[in-house]
N, C-alpha and C. Protein backbone atom coordinates (compact mmCIF):
# COMPACT_ATOMS: atom_id res chain seq x y z
N UNK A 1 -57.51 56.49 116.38
CA UNK A 1 -56.28 56.81 115.78
C UNK A 1 -55.28 55.67 115.88
N UNK A 2 -54.47 55.57 114.95
CA UNK A 2 -53.50 54.48 114.83
C UNK A 2 -52.21 54.86 115.55
N UNK A 3 -51.64 53.89 116.24
CA UNK A 3 -50.38 54.19 116.90
C UNK A 3 -49.26 54.39 115.90
N UNK A 4 -48.29 55.16 116.27
CA UNK A 4 -47.14 55.44 115.40
C UNK A 4 -46.19 54.23 115.40
N UNK A 5 -45.85 53.77 114.25
CA UNK A 5 -45.00 52.57 114.13
C UNK A 5 -43.56 52.85 114.51
N UNK A 6 -43.12 53.99 114.51
CA UNK A 6 -41.74 54.31 114.82
C UNK A 6 -41.38 53.95 116.25
N UNK A 7 -42.38 53.90 117.12
CA UNK A 7 -42.08 53.57 118.50
C UNK A 7 -41.77 52.09 118.70
N UNK A 8 -42.08 51.25 117.72
CA UNK A 8 -41.80 49.82 117.82
C UNK A 8 -40.44 49.42 117.24
N UNK A 9 -39.80 50.30 116.57
CA UNK A 9 -38.50 49.99 115.96
C UNK A 9 -37.40 50.07 116.98
N UNK A 10 -36.45 49.08 116.85
CA UNK A 10 -35.30 49.06 117.76
C UNK A 10 -34.08 49.41 116.93
N UNK A 11 -33.35 50.43 117.31
CA UNK A 11 -32.16 50.79 116.56
C UNK A 11 -31.06 49.75 116.78
N UNK A 12 -30.33 49.40 115.73
CA UNK A 12 -29.28 48.39 115.83
C UNK A 12 -27.91 48.94 115.48
N UNK A 13 -27.73 50.19 115.39
CA UNK A 13 -26.45 50.75 114.98
C UNK A 13 -25.39 50.60 116.05
N UNK A 14 -25.74 50.52 117.27
CA UNK A 14 -24.75 50.42 118.31
C UNK A 14 -24.45 48.99 118.74
N UNK A 15 -24.97 48.00 118.08
CA UNK A 15 -24.77 46.61 118.48
C UNK A 15 -23.43 46.12 117.96
N UNK A 16 -22.64 45.50 118.84
CA UNK A 16 -21.32 45.02 118.45
C UNK A 16 -21.37 43.70 117.67
N UNK A 17 -22.22 42.82 117.99
CA UNK A 17 -22.25 41.50 117.37
C UNK A 17 -23.20 41.41 116.20
N UNK A 18 -23.56 42.52 115.66
CA UNK A 18 -24.50 42.49 114.54
C UNK A 18 -23.81 41.94 113.31
N UNK A 19 -24.46 40.95 112.66
CA UNK A 19 -23.93 40.33 111.44
C UNK A 19 -24.76 40.78 110.26
N UNK A 20 -24.11 40.98 109.13
CA UNK A 20 -24.91 41.36 107.96
C UNK A 20 -25.76 40.17 107.53
N UNK A 21 -26.85 40.47 106.92
CA UNK A 21 -27.78 39.42 106.48
C UNK A 21 -27.17 38.70 105.28
N UNK A 22 -27.07 37.35 105.37
CA UNK A 22 -26.40 36.57 104.33
C UNK A 22 -27.34 35.59 103.65
N UNK A 23 -28.60 35.71 103.91
CA UNK A 23 -29.54 34.76 103.33
C UNK A 23 -29.51 34.75 101.81
N UNK A 24 -29.49 35.83 101.18
CA UNK A 24 -29.57 35.91 99.73
C UNK A 24 -28.29 36.44 99.09
N UNK A 25 -27.26 36.66 99.88
CA UNK A 25 -26.02 37.20 99.34
C UNK A 25 -25.23 36.09 98.65
N UNK A 26 -24.48 36.37 97.56
CA UNK A 26 -23.69 35.35 96.89
C UNK A 26 -22.53 34.90 97.78
N UNK A 27 -22.18 33.56 97.69
CA UNK A 27 -21.08 33.01 98.48
C UNK A 27 -19.76 33.30 97.80
N UNK A 28 -18.68 33.12 98.53
CA UNK A 28 -17.35 33.26 97.96
C UNK A 28 -17.12 32.07 97.03
N UNK A 29 -16.80 32.29 95.75
CA UNK A 29 -16.73 31.20 94.77
C UNK A 29 -15.31 30.70 94.54
N UNK A 30 -14.28 31.31 95.13
CA UNK A 30 -12.90 30.85 94.91
C UNK A 30 -12.70 29.44 95.44
N UNK A 31 -13.11 29.16 96.61
CA UNK A 31 -12.96 27.83 97.20
C UNK A 31 -13.77 26.78 96.46
N UNK A 32 -14.96 27.16 96.04
CA UNK A 32 -15.81 26.21 95.34
C UNK A 32 -15.23 25.87 93.96
N UNK A 33 -14.69 26.84 93.27
CA UNK A 33 -14.12 26.60 91.95
C UNK A 33 -12.89 25.70 92.05
N UNK A 34 -12.04 25.95 93.04
CA UNK A 34 -10.85 25.10 93.16
C UNK A 34 -11.23 23.68 93.57
N UNK A 35 -12.23 23.51 94.38
CA UNK A 35 -12.68 22.16 94.75
C UNK A 35 -13.26 21.44 93.53
N UNK A 36 -14.06 22.12 92.76
CA UNK A 36 -14.63 21.50 91.55
C UNK A 36 -13.53 21.13 90.57
N UNK A 37 -12.52 21.99 90.44
CA UNK A 37 -11.41 21.70 89.55
C UNK A 37 -10.65 20.46 90.01
N UNK A 38 -10.41 20.33 91.29
CA UNK A 38 -9.75 19.14 91.81
C UNK A 38 -10.56 17.88 91.57
N UNK A 39 -11.85 17.95 91.72
CA UNK A 39 -12.71 16.79 91.47
C UNK A 39 -12.66 16.40 89.99
N UNK A 40 -12.69 17.36 89.10
CA UNK A 40 -12.64 17.08 87.66
C UNK A 40 -11.28 16.48 87.29
N UNK A 41 -10.20 17.05 87.80
CA UNK A 41 -8.86 16.51 87.52
C UNK A 41 -8.75 15.09 88.07
N UNK A 42 -9.31 14.83 89.23
CA UNK A 42 -9.30 13.49 89.81
C UNK A 42 -10.01 12.48 88.92
N UNK A 43 -11.16 12.84 88.38
CA UNK A 43 -11.88 11.94 87.47
C UNK A 43 -11.10 11.69 86.19
N UNK A 44 -10.47 12.73 85.66
CA UNK A 44 -9.68 12.56 84.43
C UNK A 44 -8.51 11.62 84.69
N UNK A 45 -7.82 11.80 85.80
CA UNK A 45 -6.69 10.91 86.13
C UNK A 45 -7.19 9.49 86.35
N UNK A 46 -8.32 9.35 86.99
CA UNK A 46 -8.90 8.03 87.24
C UNK A 46 -9.21 7.31 85.93
N UNK A 47 -9.65 8.03 84.93
CA UNK A 47 -9.94 7.43 83.62
C UNK A 47 -8.66 7.23 82.80
N UNK A 48 -7.67 8.06 83.02
CA UNK A 48 -6.45 8.02 82.23
C UNK A 48 -5.54 6.85 82.61
N UNK A 49 -5.46 6.49 83.88
CA UNK A 49 -4.57 5.42 84.33
C UNK A 49 -4.91 4.08 83.67
N UNK A 50 -6.15 3.61 83.66
CA UNK A 50 -6.43 2.34 82.98
C UNK A 50 -6.15 2.41 81.48
N UNK A 51 -6.37 3.55 80.88
CA UNK A 51 -6.09 3.70 79.46
C UNK A 51 -4.59 3.55 79.18
N UNK A 52 -3.76 4.12 80.01
CA UNK A 52 -2.31 4.01 79.85
C UNK A 52 -1.88 2.55 80.01
N UNK A 53 -2.42 1.87 81.01
CA UNK A 53 -2.09 0.46 81.21
C UNK A 53 -2.51 -0.39 80.03
N UNK A 54 -3.69 -0.14 79.49
CA UNK A 54 -4.19 -0.88 78.33
C UNK A 54 -3.27 -0.69 77.14
N UNK A 55 -2.89 0.55 76.86
CA UNK A 55 -1.99 0.84 75.73
C UNK A 55 -0.63 0.18 75.95
N UNK A 56 -0.13 0.20 77.17
CA UNK A 56 1.17 -0.40 77.47
C UNK A 56 1.16 -1.90 77.17
N UNK A 57 0.15 -2.61 77.65
CA UNK A 57 0.09 -4.05 77.42
C UNK A 57 -0.16 -4.40 75.97
N UNK A 58 -0.97 -3.64 75.28
CA UNK A 58 -1.22 -3.89 73.85
C UNK A 58 0.03 -3.64 73.03
N UNK A 59 0.82 -2.64 73.41
CA UNK A 59 2.07 -2.37 72.70
C UNK A 59 3.03 -3.54 72.83
N UNK A 60 3.11 -4.12 74.02
CA UNK A 60 3.95 -5.29 74.22
C UNK A 60 3.51 -6.47 73.36
N UNK A 61 2.20 -6.68 73.27
CA UNK A 61 1.69 -7.77 72.43
C UNK A 61 2.01 -7.52 70.96
N UNK A 62 1.85 -6.29 70.52
CA UNK A 62 2.13 -5.97 69.12
C UNK A 62 3.60 -6.14 68.79
N UNK A 63 4.49 -5.74 69.71
CA UNK A 63 5.92 -5.91 69.46
C UNK A 63 6.28 -7.38 69.32
N UNK A 64 5.70 -8.23 70.17
CA UNK A 64 5.94 -9.66 70.06
C UNK A 64 5.45 -10.21 68.73
N UNK A 65 4.30 -9.75 68.28
CA UNK A 65 3.76 -10.18 66.99
C UNK A 65 4.62 -9.72 65.82
N UNK A 66 5.13 -8.50 65.91
CA UNK A 66 5.98 -7.97 64.85
C UNK A 66 7.28 -8.75 64.75
N UNK A 67 7.88 -9.07 65.92
CA UNK A 67 9.12 -9.84 65.89
C UNK A 67 8.89 -11.24 65.33
N UNK A 68 7.73 -11.83 65.63
CA UNK A 68 7.40 -13.14 65.06
C UNK A 68 7.28 -13.07 63.54
N UNK A 69 6.65 -12.00 63.06
CA UNK A 69 6.54 -11.83 61.60
C UNK A 69 7.89 -11.57 60.96
N UNK A 70 8.76 -10.81 61.64
CA UNK A 70 10.11 -10.58 61.12
C UNK A 70 10.87 -11.91 61.00
N UNK A 71 10.70 -12.78 61.99
CA UNK A 71 11.35 -14.08 61.96
C UNK A 71 10.85 -14.93 60.79
N UNK A 72 9.55 -14.94 60.57
CA UNK A 72 9.00 -15.69 59.44
C UNK A 72 9.50 -15.15 58.11
N UNK A 73 9.52 -13.84 57.99
CA UNK A 73 9.98 -13.22 56.74
C UNK A 73 11.45 -13.55 56.50
N UNK A 74 12.26 -13.48 57.54
CA UNK A 74 13.69 -13.78 57.39
C UNK A 74 13.92 -15.23 56.99
N UNK A 75 13.24 -16.17 57.63
CA UNK A 75 13.43 -17.58 57.26
C UNK A 75 12.96 -17.83 55.84
N UNK A 76 11.90 -17.16 55.42
CA UNK A 76 11.42 -17.30 54.05
C UNK A 76 12.44 -16.75 53.05
N UNK A 77 13.05 -15.62 53.36
CA UNK A 77 14.07 -15.04 52.48
C UNK A 77 15.30 -15.94 52.36
N UNK A 78 15.73 -16.51 53.50
CA UNK A 78 16.90 -17.38 53.47
C UNK A 78 16.61 -18.66 52.67
N UNK A 79 15.42 -19.20 52.78
CA UNK A 79 15.04 -20.37 51.99
C UNK A 79 14.97 -20.01 50.51
N UNK A 80 14.48 -18.81 50.19
CA UNK A 80 14.41 -18.37 48.80
C UNK A 80 15.82 -18.24 48.21
N UNK A 81 16.75 -17.71 49.00
CA UNK A 81 18.14 -17.59 48.53
C UNK A 81 18.71 -18.97 48.23
N UNK A 82 18.47 -19.93 49.11
CA UNK A 82 18.95 -21.29 48.89
C UNK A 82 18.36 -21.90 47.63
N UNK A 83 17.08 -21.74 47.43
CA UNK A 83 16.43 -22.28 46.23
C UNK A 83 16.94 -21.59 44.96
N UNK A 84 17.18 -20.30 45.05
CA UNK A 84 17.69 -19.56 43.88
C UNK A 84 19.09 -20.04 43.51
N UNK A 85 19.95 -20.26 44.51
CA UNK A 85 21.30 -20.75 44.23
C UNK A 85 21.24 -22.16 43.63
N UNK A 86 20.33 -22.97 44.10
CA UNK A 86 20.17 -24.31 43.54
C UNK A 86 19.74 -24.27 42.09
N UNK A 87 18.93 -23.30 41.74
CA UNK A 87 18.47 -23.15 40.35
C UNK A 87 19.59 -22.66 39.44
N UNK A 88 20.52 -21.88 39.96
CA UNK A 88 21.59 -21.32 39.15
C UNK A 88 22.73 -22.32 38.90
N UNK A 89 22.80 -23.36 39.73
CA UNK A 89 23.84 -24.39 39.51
C UNK A 89 25.04 -24.21 40.42
N UNK A 90 26.01 -25.11 40.23
CA UNK A 90 27.20 -25.13 41.09
C UNK A 90 28.09 -23.90 40.86
N UNK A 91 28.79 -23.52 41.93
CA UNK A 91 29.77 -22.44 41.82
C UNK A 91 29.20 -21.06 42.10
N UNK A 92 27.93 -20.93 42.25
CA UNK A 92 27.34 -19.62 42.53
C UNK A 92 27.26 -19.40 44.04
N UNK A 93 27.39 -18.15 44.44
CA UNK A 93 27.29 -17.82 45.86
C UNK A 93 26.62 -16.47 46.04
N UNK A 94 26.17 -16.26 47.25
CA UNK A 94 25.52 -14.99 47.60
C UNK A 94 25.85 -14.68 49.06
N UNK A 95 26.22 -13.43 49.31
CA UNK A 95 26.48 -12.98 50.68
C UNK A 95 25.25 -12.25 51.20
N UNK A 96 24.87 -12.61 52.42
CA UNK A 96 23.65 -12.06 53.01
C UNK A 96 24.00 -11.52 54.39
N UNK A 97 23.53 -10.32 54.66
CA UNK A 97 23.72 -9.71 55.97
C UNK A 97 22.35 -9.47 56.58
N UNK A 98 22.15 -9.93 57.82
CA UNK A 98 20.84 -9.81 58.48
C UNK A 98 21.00 -9.78 59.99
N UNK A 99 19.97 -9.36 60.68
CA UNK A 99 19.91 -9.37 62.13
C UNK A 99 18.74 -10.24 62.56
N UNK A 100 19.00 -11.11 63.51
CA UNK A 100 17.92 -11.94 64.05
C UNK A 100 17.17 -11.16 65.13
N UNK A 101 15.85 -11.23 65.14
CA UNK A 101 15.08 -10.54 66.19
C UNK A 101 15.40 -11.09 67.58
N UNK A 102 15.10 -10.30 68.59
CA UNK A 102 15.37 -10.68 69.99
C UNK A 102 14.61 -11.94 70.40
N UNK A 103 13.41 -12.13 69.87
CA UNK A 103 12.59 -13.28 70.27
C UNK A 103 13.11 -14.60 69.70
N UNK A 104 14.00 -14.55 68.74
CA UNK A 104 14.53 -15.78 68.13
C UNK A 104 15.57 -16.38 69.07
N UNK A 105 15.40 -17.65 69.38
CA UNK A 105 16.37 -18.35 70.24
C UNK A 105 17.53 -18.86 69.38
N UNK A 106 17.21 -19.62 68.33
CA UNK A 106 18.26 -20.14 67.43
C UNK A 106 17.76 -20.16 65.99
N UNK A 107 18.72 -20.10 65.08
CA UNK A 107 18.48 -20.28 63.65
C UNK A 107 19.44 -21.37 63.19
N UNK A 108 18.92 -22.35 62.48
CA UNK A 108 19.81 -23.40 61.97
C UNK A 108 19.37 -23.81 60.57
N UNK A 109 20.36 -24.30 59.81
CA UNK A 109 20.14 -24.79 58.45
C UNK A 109 20.38 -26.30 58.51
N UNK A 110 19.34 -27.09 58.22
CA UNK A 110 19.44 -28.55 58.36
C UNK A 110 19.14 -29.24 57.05
N UNK A 111 19.70 -30.42 56.91
CA UNK A 111 19.37 -31.28 55.77
C UNK A 111 18.29 -32.24 56.22
N UNK A 112 17.23 -32.33 55.44
CA UNK A 112 16.11 -33.21 55.76
C UNK A 112 15.76 -33.98 54.50
N UNK A 113 16.02 -35.28 54.49
CA UNK A 113 15.73 -36.09 53.31
C UNK A 113 16.56 -35.62 52.13
N UNK A 114 15.90 -35.35 51.00
CA UNK A 114 16.60 -34.87 49.81
C UNK A 114 16.66 -33.35 49.74
N UNK A 115 16.07 -32.68 50.71
CA UNK A 115 16.06 -31.22 50.70
C UNK A 115 16.66 -30.65 51.97
N UNK A 116 16.34 -29.43 52.22
CA UNK A 116 16.86 -28.75 53.39
C UNK A 116 15.75 -28.03 54.13
N UNK A 117 16.12 -27.46 55.27
CA UNK A 117 15.15 -26.76 56.09
C UNK A 117 15.84 -25.60 56.80
N UNK A 118 15.21 -24.44 56.73
CA UNK A 118 15.63 -23.29 57.53
C UNK A 118 14.72 -23.31 58.75
N UNK A 119 15.31 -23.59 59.92
CA UNK A 119 14.52 -23.75 61.14
C UNK A 119 14.86 -22.66 62.13
N UNK A 120 13.85 -21.90 62.49
CA UNK A 120 14.02 -20.81 63.44
C UNK A 120 13.19 -21.17 64.68
N UNK A 121 13.85 -21.27 65.83
CA UNK A 121 13.17 -21.58 67.09
C UNK A 121 13.05 -20.30 67.90
N UNK A 122 11.83 -20.00 68.34
CA UNK A 122 11.56 -18.78 69.11
C UNK A 122 11.77 -19.05 70.60
N UNK A 123 11.84 -17.98 71.39
CA UNK A 123 12.03 -18.10 72.84
C UNK A 123 10.89 -18.84 73.52
N UNK A 124 9.68 -18.73 72.98
CA UNK A 124 8.54 -19.39 73.61
C UNK A 124 8.41 -20.86 73.20
N UNK A 125 9.36 -21.37 72.40
CA UNK A 125 9.35 -22.77 72.00
C UNK A 125 8.72 -23.03 70.64
N UNK A 126 8.04 -22.05 70.09
CA UNK A 126 7.44 -22.23 68.76
C UNK A 126 8.55 -22.22 67.70
N UNK A 127 8.25 -22.82 66.56
CA UNK A 127 9.25 -22.92 65.49
C UNK A 127 8.67 -22.43 64.17
N UNK A 128 9.54 -21.82 63.38
CA UNK A 128 9.21 -21.41 62.02
C UNK A 128 10.13 -22.20 61.10
N UNK A 129 9.53 -22.89 60.14
CA UNK A 129 10.32 -23.76 59.26
C UNK A 129 10.00 -23.46 57.81
N UNK A 130 11.05 -23.38 56.99
CA UNK A 130 10.89 -23.21 55.55
C UNK A 130 11.69 -24.31 54.87
N UNK A 131 11.04 -25.05 53.99
CA UNK A 131 11.68 -26.18 53.31
C UNK A 131 12.32 -25.69 52.02
N UNK A 132 13.51 -26.25 51.71
CA UNK A 132 14.23 -25.89 50.49
C UNK A 132 14.46 -27.13 49.64
N UNK A 133 14.76 -26.91 48.36
CA UNK A 133 14.99 -28.04 47.43
C UNK A 133 16.32 -28.72 47.66
N UNK A 134 17.35 -27.96 48.02
CA UNK A 134 18.69 -28.53 48.21
C UNK A 134 19.00 -28.66 49.70
N UNK A 135 19.70 -29.73 50.08
CA UNK A 135 20.10 -29.86 51.49
C UNK A 135 21.23 -28.87 51.83
N UNK A 136 21.37 -28.60 53.11
CA UNK A 136 22.40 -27.68 53.58
C UNK A 136 23.61 -28.46 54.10
N UNK A 137 24.77 -27.84 53.95
CA UNK A 137 25.99 -28.37 54.54
C UNK A 137 26.42 -27.36 55.60
N UNK A 138 25.73 -27.40 56.76
CA UNK A 138 26.01 -26.45 57.83
C UNK A 138 25.70 -27.12 59.16
N UNK A 139 26.55 -26.93 60.13
CA UNK A 139 26.34 -27.52 61.45
C UNK A 139 26.21 -26.45 62.54
N UNK A 140 26.37 -25.22 62.19
CA UNK A 140 26.36 -24.15 63.19
C UNK A 140 24.94 -23.66 63.45
N UNK A 141 24.69 -23.30 64.71
CA UNK A 141 23.42 -22.67 65.10
C UNK A 141 23.71 -21.20 65.39
N UNK A 142 22.80 -20.33 65.01
CA UNK A 142 22.97 -18.90 65.17
C UNK A 142 22.01 -18.39 66.24
N UNK A 143 22.51 -17.61 67.18
CA UNK A 143 21.72 -17.10 68.30
C UNK A 143 20.95 -15.84 67.90
N UNK A 144 19.81 -15.65 68.53
CA UNK A 144 18.95 -14.49 68.25
C UNK A 144 19.49 -13.21 68.85
N UNK A 145 19.02 -12.10 68.32
CA UNK A 145 19.41 -10.79 68.82
C UNK A 145 20.75 -10.29 68.31
N UNK A 146 21.38 -11.01 67.37
CA UNK A 146 22.69 -10.61 66.85
C UNK A 146 22.62 -10.40 65.33
N UNK A 147 23.64 -9.76 64.79
CA UNK A 147 23.73 -9.54 63.34
C UNK A 147 24.74 -10.53 62.76
N UNK A 148 24.43 -10.99 61.55
CA UNK A 148 25.30 -11.97 60.89
C UNK A 148 25.52 -11.58 59.44
N UNK A 149 26.67 -12.02 58.93
CA UNK A 149 26.99 -11.87 57.52
C UNK A 149 27.40 -13.27 57.06
N UNK A 150 26.52 -13.90 56.29
CA UNK A 150 26.73 -15.28 55.87
C UNK A 150 26.92 -15.37 54.36
N UNK A 151 27.62 -16.42 53.96
CA UNK A 151 27.81 -16.71 52.54
C UNK A 151 27.13 -18.04 52.23
N UNK A 152 26.24 -18.00 51.26
CA UNK A 152 25.55 -19.20 50.78
C UNK A 152 26.22 -19.58 49.46
N UNK A 153 26.72 -20.81 49.37
CA UNK A 153 27.43 -21.26 48.17
C UNK A 153 26.83 -22.59 47.71
N UNK A 154 26.53 -22.68 46.42
CA UNK A 154 25.97 -23.90 45.84
C UNK A 154 27.09 -24.73 45.22
N UNK A 155 27.31 -25.94 45.78
CA UNK A 155 28.36 -26.81 45.27
C UNK A 155 27.96 -28.27 45.45
N UNK A 156 28.02 -29.04 44.37
CA UNK A 156 27.78 -30.48 44.43
C UNK A 156 26.40 -30.87 44.92
N UNK A 157 25.38 -30.10 44.62
CA UNK A 157 24.03 -30.42 45.05
C UNK A 157 23.73 -30.06 46.49
N UNK A 158 24.63 -29.33 47.12
CA UNK A 158 24.44 -28.86 48.50
C UNK A 158 24.58 -27.35 48.55
N UNK A 159 23.96 -26.76 49.54
CA UNK A 159 24.15 -25.33 49.80
C UNK A 159 24.99 -25.24 51.06
N UNK A 160 26.17 -24.68 50.92
CA UNK A 160 27.07 -24.52 52.07
C UNK A 160 26.84 -23.14 52.67
N UNK A 161 26.65 -23.11 53.97
CA UNK A 161 26.45 -21.85 54.67
C UNK A 161 27.66 -21.64 55.57
N UNK A 162 28.33 -20.50 55.40
CA UNK A 162 29.50 -20.22 56.22
C UNK A 162 29.55 -18.73 56.56
N UNK A 163 30.32 -18.45 57.57
CA UNK A 163 30.51 -17.04 58.00
C UNK A 163 31.27 -16.30 56.92
N UNK A 164 30.82 -15.11 56.58
CA UNK A 164 31.47 -14.30 55.55
C UNK A 164 32.24 -13.18 56.21
N UNK A 165 33.28 -12.73 55.53
CA UNK A 165 34.07 -11.63 56.09
C UNK A 165 33.72 -10.32 55.43
């Protein structure tokens, strides 16, 4: 005859330090989810910081390029005005209002040989020059970053540049 198995069982209901079996039970997921979220946010921030720096520096380069183009366009327009007044003959004038970009150090109207030159010097030392058919009668230099209202007048084969009111 086989012995009764019930005699080998030990009751555990009265044990104080008995722990429930946790081998296959699911873990608490609140702590794990918040840790994973922090790791993901950390990676996103880590990728975002260099991107912000890259955009910041590229924006600065683009602004410098745009101001350089504005300077070239302005000197070209002023030379065109001078040539147009020369074509119309003596006694004609034109009032022009403009702002020089911040990167422009000086703007000057010079006589060179039988013609003239609109010379714009940038802060970095580079120059933008536009040649005109008529020489200028102007000795003033204009500083960058300011607004001006000038009068261009064609008289006696010269273009006179003066402050306009």
